[in-house]
Amino acid sequence: MPIRGLAIGLVLTGIGCTSIRRVQPLQFIPQHRPQFVWVTTTDSDVTLVVAPRIDGDTLRGTVAGLQEPVAIPLTDILSVKAKVPDHTKTAILFTGGVVVGGAVTYMLTQRSGSAGPGTVPAVCTDPDFDSCPNP
């Protein structure tokens, strides 16, 4: 069970630390080598391009799902969007994790604390004991 929780946490961390944003293809694609980008052309078509690369004045790659090569002249591209790191989301996710982790730790330490001397047990089994708490 702890492994499943860790896996879910890692997936959420990956999602939480990125955003889909508009990028400049000439600089972004060669520098970051994204797995895929969304390309909107001047005729309003949106294509998910896998393994994009810049070849001269053309964006090349493979159309997702069809496994067909695609070549789009940069002059025909209206916008390119890609997953990019989002430092704000990362900070929020980290802060939230610290707060939740602290709260869980506090609750576990309070719950597992032993009863000190002179405390009344949670369950009173002696019916003649006058100081048993009433439920």
N, C-alpha and C. Protein backbone atom coordinates (compact mmCIF):
# COMPACT_ATOMS: atom_id res chain seq x y z
N MET A 1 0.80 -1.20 0.00
CA MET A 1 0.00 0.00 0.00
C MET A 1 0.85 1.27 0.00
N PRO A 2 1.97 1.34 0.79
CA PRO A 2 2.79 2.54 0.75
C PRO A 2 3.38 2.80 -0.63
N ILE A 3 3.71 1.75 -1.38
CA ILE A 3 4.28 1.94 -2.71
C ILE A 3 3.25 2.58 -3.64
N ARG A 4 1.99 2.16 -3.53
CA ARG A 4 0.94 2.75 -4.35
C ARG A 4 0.79 4.24 -4.05
N GLY A 5 0.83 4.59 -2.77
CA GLY A 5 0.74 5.99 -2.38
C GLY A 5 1.90 6.80 -2.91
N LEU A 6 3.10 6.21 -2.86
CA LEU A 6 4.27 6.89 -3.39
C LEU A 6 4.15 7.10 -4.89
N ALA A 7 3.65 6.09 -5.60
CA ALA A 7 3.49 6.21 -7.06
C ALA A 7 2.49 7.30 -7.40
N ILE A 8 1.37 7.34 -6.67
CA ILE A 8 0.37 8.38 -6.91
C ILE A 8 0.96 9.75 -6.63
N GLY A 9 1.73 9.84 -5.56
CA GLY A 9 2.38 11.11 -5.22
C GLY A 9 3.33 11.58 -6.30
N LEU A 10 4.10 10.66 -6.87
CA LEU A 10 5.02 11.02 -7.94
C LEU A 10 4.29 11.50 -9.18
N VAL A 11 3.18 10.83 -9.52
CA VAL A 11 2.39 11.25 -10.68
C VAL A 11 1.85 12.66 -10.45
N LEU A 12 1.28 12.89 -9.27
CA LEU A 12 0.74 14.21 -8.96
C LEU A 12 1.83 15.28 -8.96
N THR A 13 3.00 14.91 -8.49
CA THR A 13 4.11 15.86 -8.50
C THR A 13 4.48 16.23 -9.93
N GLY A 14 4.53 15.24 -10.80
CA GLY A 14 4.83 15.51 -12.20
C GLY A 14 3.81 16.41 -12.86
N ILE A 15 2.56 16.18 -12.55
CA ILE A 15 1.50 17.01 -13.10
C ILE A 15 1.55 18.40 -12.49
N GLY A 16 1.78 18.44 -11.20
CA GLY A 16 1.74 19.71 -10.49
C GLY A 16 2.88 20.64 -10.81
N CYS A 17 3.95 20.14 -11.36
CA CYS A 17 5.13 20.96 -11.58
C CYS A 17 5.28 21.43 -13.03
N THR A 18 4.29 21.21 -13.87
CA THR A 18 4.37 21.66 -15.25
C THR A 18 3.08 22.38 -15.66
N SER A 19 3.21 23.17 -16.69
CA SER A 19 2.07 23.84 -17.31
C SER A 19 2.25 23.77 -18.82
N ILE A 20 1.16 23.88 -19.52
CA ILE A 20 1.23 23.93 -20.98
C ILE A 20 1.22 25.41 -21.35
N ARG A 21 2.28 25.84 -22.01
CA ARG A 21 2.43 27.25 -22.34
C ARG A 21 2.89 27.42 -23.78
N ARG A 22 2.63 28.59 -24.27
CA ARG A 22 3.09 28.96 -25.60
C ARG A 22 4.60 29.15 -25.57
N VAL A 23 5.29 28.60 -26.56
CA VAL A 23 6.75 28.69 -26.62
C VAL A 23 7.18 29.17 -28.00
N GLN A 24 8.42 29.64 -28.07
CA GLN A 24 9.01 30.02 -29.35
C GLN A 24 9.71 28.78 -29.91
N PRO A 25 9.20 28.19 -30.99
CA PRO A 25 9.73 26.91 -31.46
C PRO A 25 11.21 26.94 -31.84
N LEU A 26 11.67 28.02 -32.43
CA LEU A 26 13.08 28.09 -32.86
C LEU A 26 14.05 27.97 -31.69
N GLN A 27 13.68 28.52 -30.53
CA GLN A 27 14.56 28.45 -29.37
C GLN A 27 14.22 27.24 -28.49
N PHE A 28 12.93 27.02 -28.23
CA PHE A 28 12.51 26.02 -27.25
C PHE A 28 12.80 24.58 -27.69
N ILE A 29 12.45 24.23 -28.89
CA ILE A 29 12.55 22.84 -29.34
C ILE A 29 14.01 22.34 -29.35
N PRO A 30 14.95 23.06 -29.94
CA PRO A 30 16.34 22.56 -29.90
C PRO A 30 16.93 22.55 -28.48
N GLN A 31 16.53 23.52 -27.67
CA GLN A 31 17.11 23.64 -26.34
C GLN A 31 16.55 22.62 -25.35
N HIS A 32 15.23 22.36 -25.40
CA HIS A 32 14.58 21.51 -24.40
C HIS A 32 14.22 20.11 -24.92
N ARG A 33 14.22 19.93 -26.21
CA ARG A 33 13.89 18.64 -26.83
C ARG A 33 12.65 17.99 -26.22
N PRO A 34 11.51 18.67 -26.32
CA PRO A 34 10.28 18.11 -25.73
C PRO A 34 9.87 16.83 -26.45
N GLN A 35 9.11 15.98 -25.73
CA GLN A 35 8.62 14.74 -26.33
C GLN A 35 7.55 15.04 -27.37
N PHE A 36 6.77 16.10 -27.13
CA PHE A 36 5.71 16.48 -28.06
C PHE A 36 5.37 17.94 -27.87
N VAL A 37 4.76 18.53 -28.90
CA VAL A 37 4.26 19.91 -28.85
C VAL A 37 2.93 19.97 -29.59
N TRP A 38 2.11 20.95 -29.25
CA TRP A 38 0.86 21.21 -29.95
C TRP A 38 1.12 22.37 -30.90
N VAL A 39 0.87 22.15 -32.17
CA VAL A 39 1.13 23.16 -33.19
C VAL A 39 -0.20 23.62 -33.77
N THR A 40 -0.44 24.93 -33.70
CA THR A 40 -1.62 25.53 -34.33
C THR A 40 -1.14 26.25 -35.58
N THR A 41 -1.72 25.86 -36.71
CA THR A 41 -1.31 26.47 -37.98
C THR A 41 -2.23 27.63 -38.32
N THR A 42 -1.85 28.37 -39.34
CA THR A 42 -2.62 29.55 -39.74
C THR A 42 -4.03 29.20 -40.22
N ASP A 43 -4.27 27.94 -40.61
CA ASP A 43 -5.62 27.54 -40.99
C ASP A 43 -6.40 26.95 -39.80
N SER A 44 -5.91 27.22 -38.56
CA SER A 44 -6.56 26.84 -37.29
C SER A 44 -6.54 25.35 -36.98
N ASP A 45 -5.77 24.57 -37.72
CA ASP A 45 -5.61 23.15 -37.38
C ASP A 45 -4.64 23.04 -36.20
N VAL A 46 -4.97 22.13 -35.28
CA VAL A 46 -4.08 21.85 -34.16
C VAL A 46 -3.57 20.42 -34.32
N THR A 47 -2.25 20.26 -34.31
CA THR A 47 -1.63 18.96 -34.50
C THR A 47 -0.70 18.68 -33.33
N LEU A 48 -0.84 17.48 -32.77
CA LEU A 48 0.09 17.05 -31.73
C LEU A 48 1.27 16.38 -32.43
N VAL A 49 2.42 17.02 -32.34
CA VAL A 49 3.62 16.54 -33.03
C VAL A 49 4.54 15.88 -32.01
N VAL A 50 4.84 14.60 -32.25
CA VAL A 50 5.73 13.83 -31.39
C VAL A 50 7.15 13.94 -31.92
N ALA A 51 8.12 14.00 -31.01
CA ALA A 51 9.55 14.11 -31.34
C ALA A 51 9.80 15.28 -32.31
N PRO A 52 9.37 16.48 -31.92
CA PRO A 52 9.55 17.62 -32.83
C PRO A 52 11.02 18.03 -32.93
N ARG A 53 11.36 18.54 -34.10
CA ARG A 53 12.70 19.07 -34.30
C ARG A 53 12.60 20.19 -35.34
N ILE A 54 13.53 21.11 -35.26
CA ILE A 54 13.59 22.20 -36.23
C ILE A 54 14.63 21.84 -37.27
N ASP A 55 14.20 21.87 -38.52
CA ASP A 55 15.08 21.56 -39.64
C ASP A 55 15.03 22.74 -40.59
N GLY A 56 15.98 23.67 -40.43
CA GLY A 56 15.97 24.88 -41.24
C GLY A 56 14.79 25.76 -40.89
N ASP A 57 13.87 25.94 -41.84
CA ASP A 57 12.68 26.76 -41.61
C ASP A 57 11.42 25.91 -41.48
N THR A 58 11.60 24.65 -41.03
CA THR A 58 10.48 23.70 -40.96
C THR A 58 10.49 22.97 -39.61
N LEU A 59 9.29 22.79 -39.04
CA LEU A 59 9.14 21.96 -37.85
C LEU A 59 8.78 20.57 -38.34
N ARG A 60 9.56 19.59 -37.95
CA ARG A 60 9.33 18.21 -38.37
C ARG A 60 9.10 17.32 -37.16
N GLY A 61 8.40 16.22 -37.38
CA GLY A 61 8.13 15.25 -36.33
C GLY A 61 7.17 14.21 -36.84
N THR A 62 6.42 13.63 -35.92
CA THR A 62 5.45 12.59 -36.25
C THR A 62 4.10 12.99 -35.67
N VAL A 63 3.03 12.79 -36.44
CA VAL A 63 1.69 13.08 -35.95
C VAL A 63 1.32 12.01 -34.92
N ALA A 64 0.94 12.46 -33.73
CA ALA A 64 0.59 11.53 -32.65
C ALA A 64 -0.61 10.69 -33.05
N GLY A 65 -0.52 9.40 -32.77
CA GLY A 65 -1.62 8.48 -33.04
C GLY A 65 -1.63 7.92 -34.45
N LEU A 66 -1.09 8.65 -35.39
CA LEU A 66 -1.08 8.19 -36.79
C LEU A 66 0.28 7.66 -37.21
N GLN A 67 1.32 8.02 -36.47
CA GLN A 67 2.69 7.61 -36.78
C GLN A 67 3.08 8.02 -38.20
N GLU A 68 2.53 9.15 -38.65
CA GLU A 68 2.88 9.68 -39.97
C GLU A 68 3.84 10.85 -39.80
N PRO A 69 4.85 10.93 -40.65
CA PRO A 69 5.75 12.09 -40.57
C PRO A 69 5.01 13.37 -40.96
N VAL A 70 5.42 14.47 -40.33
CA VAL A 70 4.81 15.76 -40.62
C VAL A 70 5.92 16.79 -40.77
N ALA A 71 5.72 17.71 -41.71
CA ALA A 71 6.65 18.82 -41.91
C ALA A 71 5.80 20.09 -42.07
N ILE A 72 5.97 21.03 -41.14
CA ILE A 72 5.18 22.26 -41.15
C ILE A 72 6.13 23.44 -41.29
N PRO A 73 6.01 24.21 -42.37
CA PRO A 73 6.86 25.41 -42.49
C PRO A 73 6.59 26.36 -41.33
N LEU A 74 7.65 26.95 -40.78
CA LEU A 74 7.49 27.87 -39.65
C LEU A 74 6.60 29.05 -40.01
N THR A 75 6.55 29.43 -41.29
CA THR A 75 5.70 30.55 -41.71
C THR A 75 4.22 30.19 -41.61
N ASP A 76 3.88 28.89 -41.58
CA ASP A 76 2.48 28.45 -41.48
C ASP A 76 2.05 28.20 -40.02
N ILE A 77 2.95 28.43 -39.08
CA ILE A 77 2.64 28.16 -37.68
C ILE A 77 2.15 29.43 -36.99
N LEU A 78 0.98 29.32 -36.39
CA LEU A 78 0.41 30.43 -35.62
C LEU A 78 0.96 30.40 -34.19
N SER A 79 0.98 29.19 -33.56
CA SER A 79 1.53 29.07 -32.21
C SER A 79 1.98 27.63 -31.95
N VAL A 80 2.90 27.49 -30.99
CA VAL A 80 3.37 26.19 -30.54
C VAL A 80 3.26 26.20 -29.02
N LYS A 81 2.66 25.13 -28.48
CA LYS A 81 2.54 25.01 -27.03
C LYS A 81 3.24 23.73 -26.59
N ALA A 82 3.84 23.80 -25.40
CA ALA A 82 4.57 22.65 -24.86
C ALA A 82 4.45 22.64 -23.35
N LYS A 83 4.72 21.47 -22.75
CA LYS A 83 4.78 21.37 -21.30
C LYS A 83 6.09 21.99 -20.84
N VAL A 84 5.98 22.93 -19.90
CA VAL A 84 7.17 23.59 -19.37
C VAL A 84 7.13 23.56 -17.85
N PRO A 85 8.29 23.61 -17.20
CA PRO A 85 8.31 23.63 -15.74
C PRO A 85 7.55 24.85 -15.21
N ASP A 86 6.79 24.65 -14.13
CA ASP A 86 6.04 25.74 -13.50
C ASP A 86 6.51 25.84 -12.06
N HIS A 87 7.37 26.82 -11.78
CA HIS A 87 7.98 26.95 -10.46
C HIS A 87 6.97 27.35 -9.39
N THR A 88 5.93 28.08 -9.77
CA THR A 88 4.90 28.46 -8.80
C THR A 88 4.15 27.23 -8.32
N LYS A 89 3.73 26.38 -9.25
CA LYS A 89 3.03 25.14 -8.88
C LYS A 89 3.93 24.25 -8.03
N THR A 90 5.21 24.20 -8.37
CA THR A 90 6.14 23.37 -7.61
C THR A 90 6.24 23.87 -6.16
N ALA A 91 6.33 25.18 -5.98
CA ALA A 91 6.42 25.75 -4.63
C ALA A 91 5.15 25.47 -3.83
N ILE A 92 4.00 25.62 -4.47
CA ILE A 92 2.73 25.36 -3.79
C ILE A 92 2.63 23.89 -3.41
N LEU A 93 2.99 23.00 -4.33
CA LEU A 93 2.94 21.57 -4.07
C LEU A 93 3.88 21.18 -2.93
N PHE A 94 5.09 21.74 -2.93
CA PHE A 94 6.06 21.44 -1.88
C PHE A 94 5.56 21.93 -0.52
N THR A 95 5.05 23.16 -0.48
CA THR A 95 4.54 23.73 0.77
C THR A 95 3.37 22.91 1.29
N GLY A 96 2.45 22.54 0.41
CA GLY A 96 1.32 21.71 0.80
C GLY A 96 1.76 20.37 1.34
N GLY A 97 2.77 19.76 0.72
CA GLY A 97 3.29 18.48 1.19
C GLY A 97 3.90 18.58 2.57
N VAL A 98 4.62 19.68 2.82
CA VAL A 98 5.22 19.88 4.14
C VAL A 98 4.13 20.05 5.20
N VAL A 99 3.10 20.84 4.88
CA VAL A 99 2.01 21.06 5.84
C VAL A 99 1.27 19.76 6.13
N VAL A 100 0.92 19.02 5.08
CA VAL A 100 0.20 17.75 5.27
C VAL A 100 1.08 16.75 6.02
N GLY A 101 2.35 16.66 5.66
CA GLY A 101 3.26 15.76 6.35
C GLY A 101 3.40 16.11 7.83
N GLY A 102 3.48 17.39 8.12
CA GLY A 102 3.56 17.82 9.52
C GLY A 102 2.29 17.49 10.28
N ALA A 103 1.14 17.71 9.66
CA ALA A 103 -0.14 17.41 10.32
C ALA A 103 -0.28 15.92 10.58
N VAL A 104 0.09 15.09 9.61
CA VAL A 104 0.01 13.63 9.79
C VAL A 104 0.96 13.18 10.89
N THR A 105 2.16 13.71 10.89
CA THR A 105 3.13 13.36 11.93
C THR A 105 2.60 13.75 13.31
N TYR A 106 2.05 14.94 13.43
CA TYR A 106 1.49 15.41 14.70
C TYR A 106 0.37 14.48 15.17
N MET A 107 -0.55 14.15 14.25
CA MET A 107 -1.67 13.28 14.62
C MET A 107 -1.18 11.90 15.05
N LEU A 108 -0.20 11.35 14.34
CA LEU A 108 0.31 10.03 14.70
C LEU A 108 1.02 10.04 16.06
N THR A 109 1.78 11.09 16.34
CA THR A 109 2.47 11.14 17.62
C THR A 109 1.49 11.37 18.76
N GLN A 110 0.41 12.09 18.53
CA GLN A 110 -0.58 12.30 19.58
C GLN A 110 -1.38 11.04 19.83
N ARG A 111 -1.69 10.32 18.79
CA ARG A 111 -2.50 9.11 18.91
C ARG A 111 -1.71 7.99 19.58
N SER A 112 -0.43 7.87 19.27
CA SER A 112 0.35 6.76 19.79
C SER A 112 0.99 7.08 21.13
N GLY A 113 0.75 8.26 21.70
CA GLY A 113 1.32 8.61 23.00
C GLY A 113 0.74 7.72 24.09
N SER A 114 1.56 7.33 25.06
CA SER A 114 1.10 6.45 26.13
C SER A 114 0.43 7.27 27.22
N ALA A 115 -0.50 6.63 27.91
CA ALA A 115 -1.19 7.29 29.01
C ALA A 115 -0.24 7.42 30.19
N GLY A 116 -0.20 8.58 30.77
CA GLY A 116 0.69 8.83 31.91
C GLY A 116 0.07 8.32 33.20
N PRO A 117 0.80 8.41 34.30
CA PRO A 117 0.29 7.94 35.59
C PRO A 117 -0.90 8.80 36.03
N GLY A 118 -1.88 8.13 36.62
CA GLY A 118 -3.06 8.84 37.13
C GLY A 118 -4.13 9.10 36.10
N THR A 119 -3.93 8.64 34.90
CA THR A 119 -4.96 8.85 33.88
C THR A 119 -5.94 7.69 33.91
N VAL A 120 -7.16 7.97 33.53
CA VAL A 120 -8.21 6.95 33.53
C VAL A 120 -8.18 6.27 32.17
N PRO A 121 -8.18 4.94 32.13
CA PRO A 121 -8.16 4.26 30.84
C PRO A 121 -9.42 4.57 30.05
N ALA A 122 -9.32 4.44 28.73
CA ALA A 122 -10.45 4.74 27.86
C ALA A 122 -11.60 3.77 28.09
N VAL A 123 -11.31 2.54 28.46
CA VAL A 123 -12.35 1.55 28.71
C VAL A 123 -12.22 1.12 30.18
N CYS A 124 -13.29 1.28 30.94
CA CYS A 124 -13.28 0.91 32.35
C CYS A 124 -13.98 -0.43 32.49
N THR A 125 -13.23 -1.45 32.94
CA THR A 125 -13.79 -2.80 33.00
C THR A 125 -14.25 -3.18 34.41
N ASP A 126 -13.98 -2.37 35.40
CA ASP A 126 -14.35 -2.68 36.79
C ASP A 126 -15.63 -1.92 37.13
N PRO A 127 -16.80 -2.61 37.21
CA PRO A 127 -18.06 -1.92 37.48
C PRO A 127 -18.12 -1.31 38.87
N ASP A 128 -17.29 -1.77 39.84
CA ASP A 128 -17.32 -1.22 41.19
C ASP A 128 -16.40 -0.01 41.34
N PHE A 129 -15.67 0.30 40.31
CA PHE A 129 -14.73 1.42 40.36
C PHE A 129 -15.51 2.70 40.21
N ASP A 130 -15.53 3.55 41.25
CA ASP A 130 -16.38 4.74 41.29
C ASP A 130 -15.96 5.82 40.32
N SER A 131 -14.72 5.87 39.94
CA SER A 131 -14.30 6.97 39.09
C SER A 131 -14.24 6.62 37.61
N CYS A 132 -14.99 5.57 37.21
CA CYS A 132 -15.07 5.26 35.78
C CYS A 132 -15.83 6.37 35.08
N PRO A 133 -15.31 6.84 33.99
CA PRO A 133 -16.03 7.89 33.25
C PRO A 133 -17.28 7.33 32.61
N ASN A 134 -18.31 8.16 32.57
CA ASN A 134 -19.56 7.75 31.91
C ASN A 134 -19.42 8.02 30.42
N PRO A 135 -19.89 7.10 29.60
CA PRO A 135 -19.79 7.31 28.15
C PRO A 135 -20.66 8.45 27.68
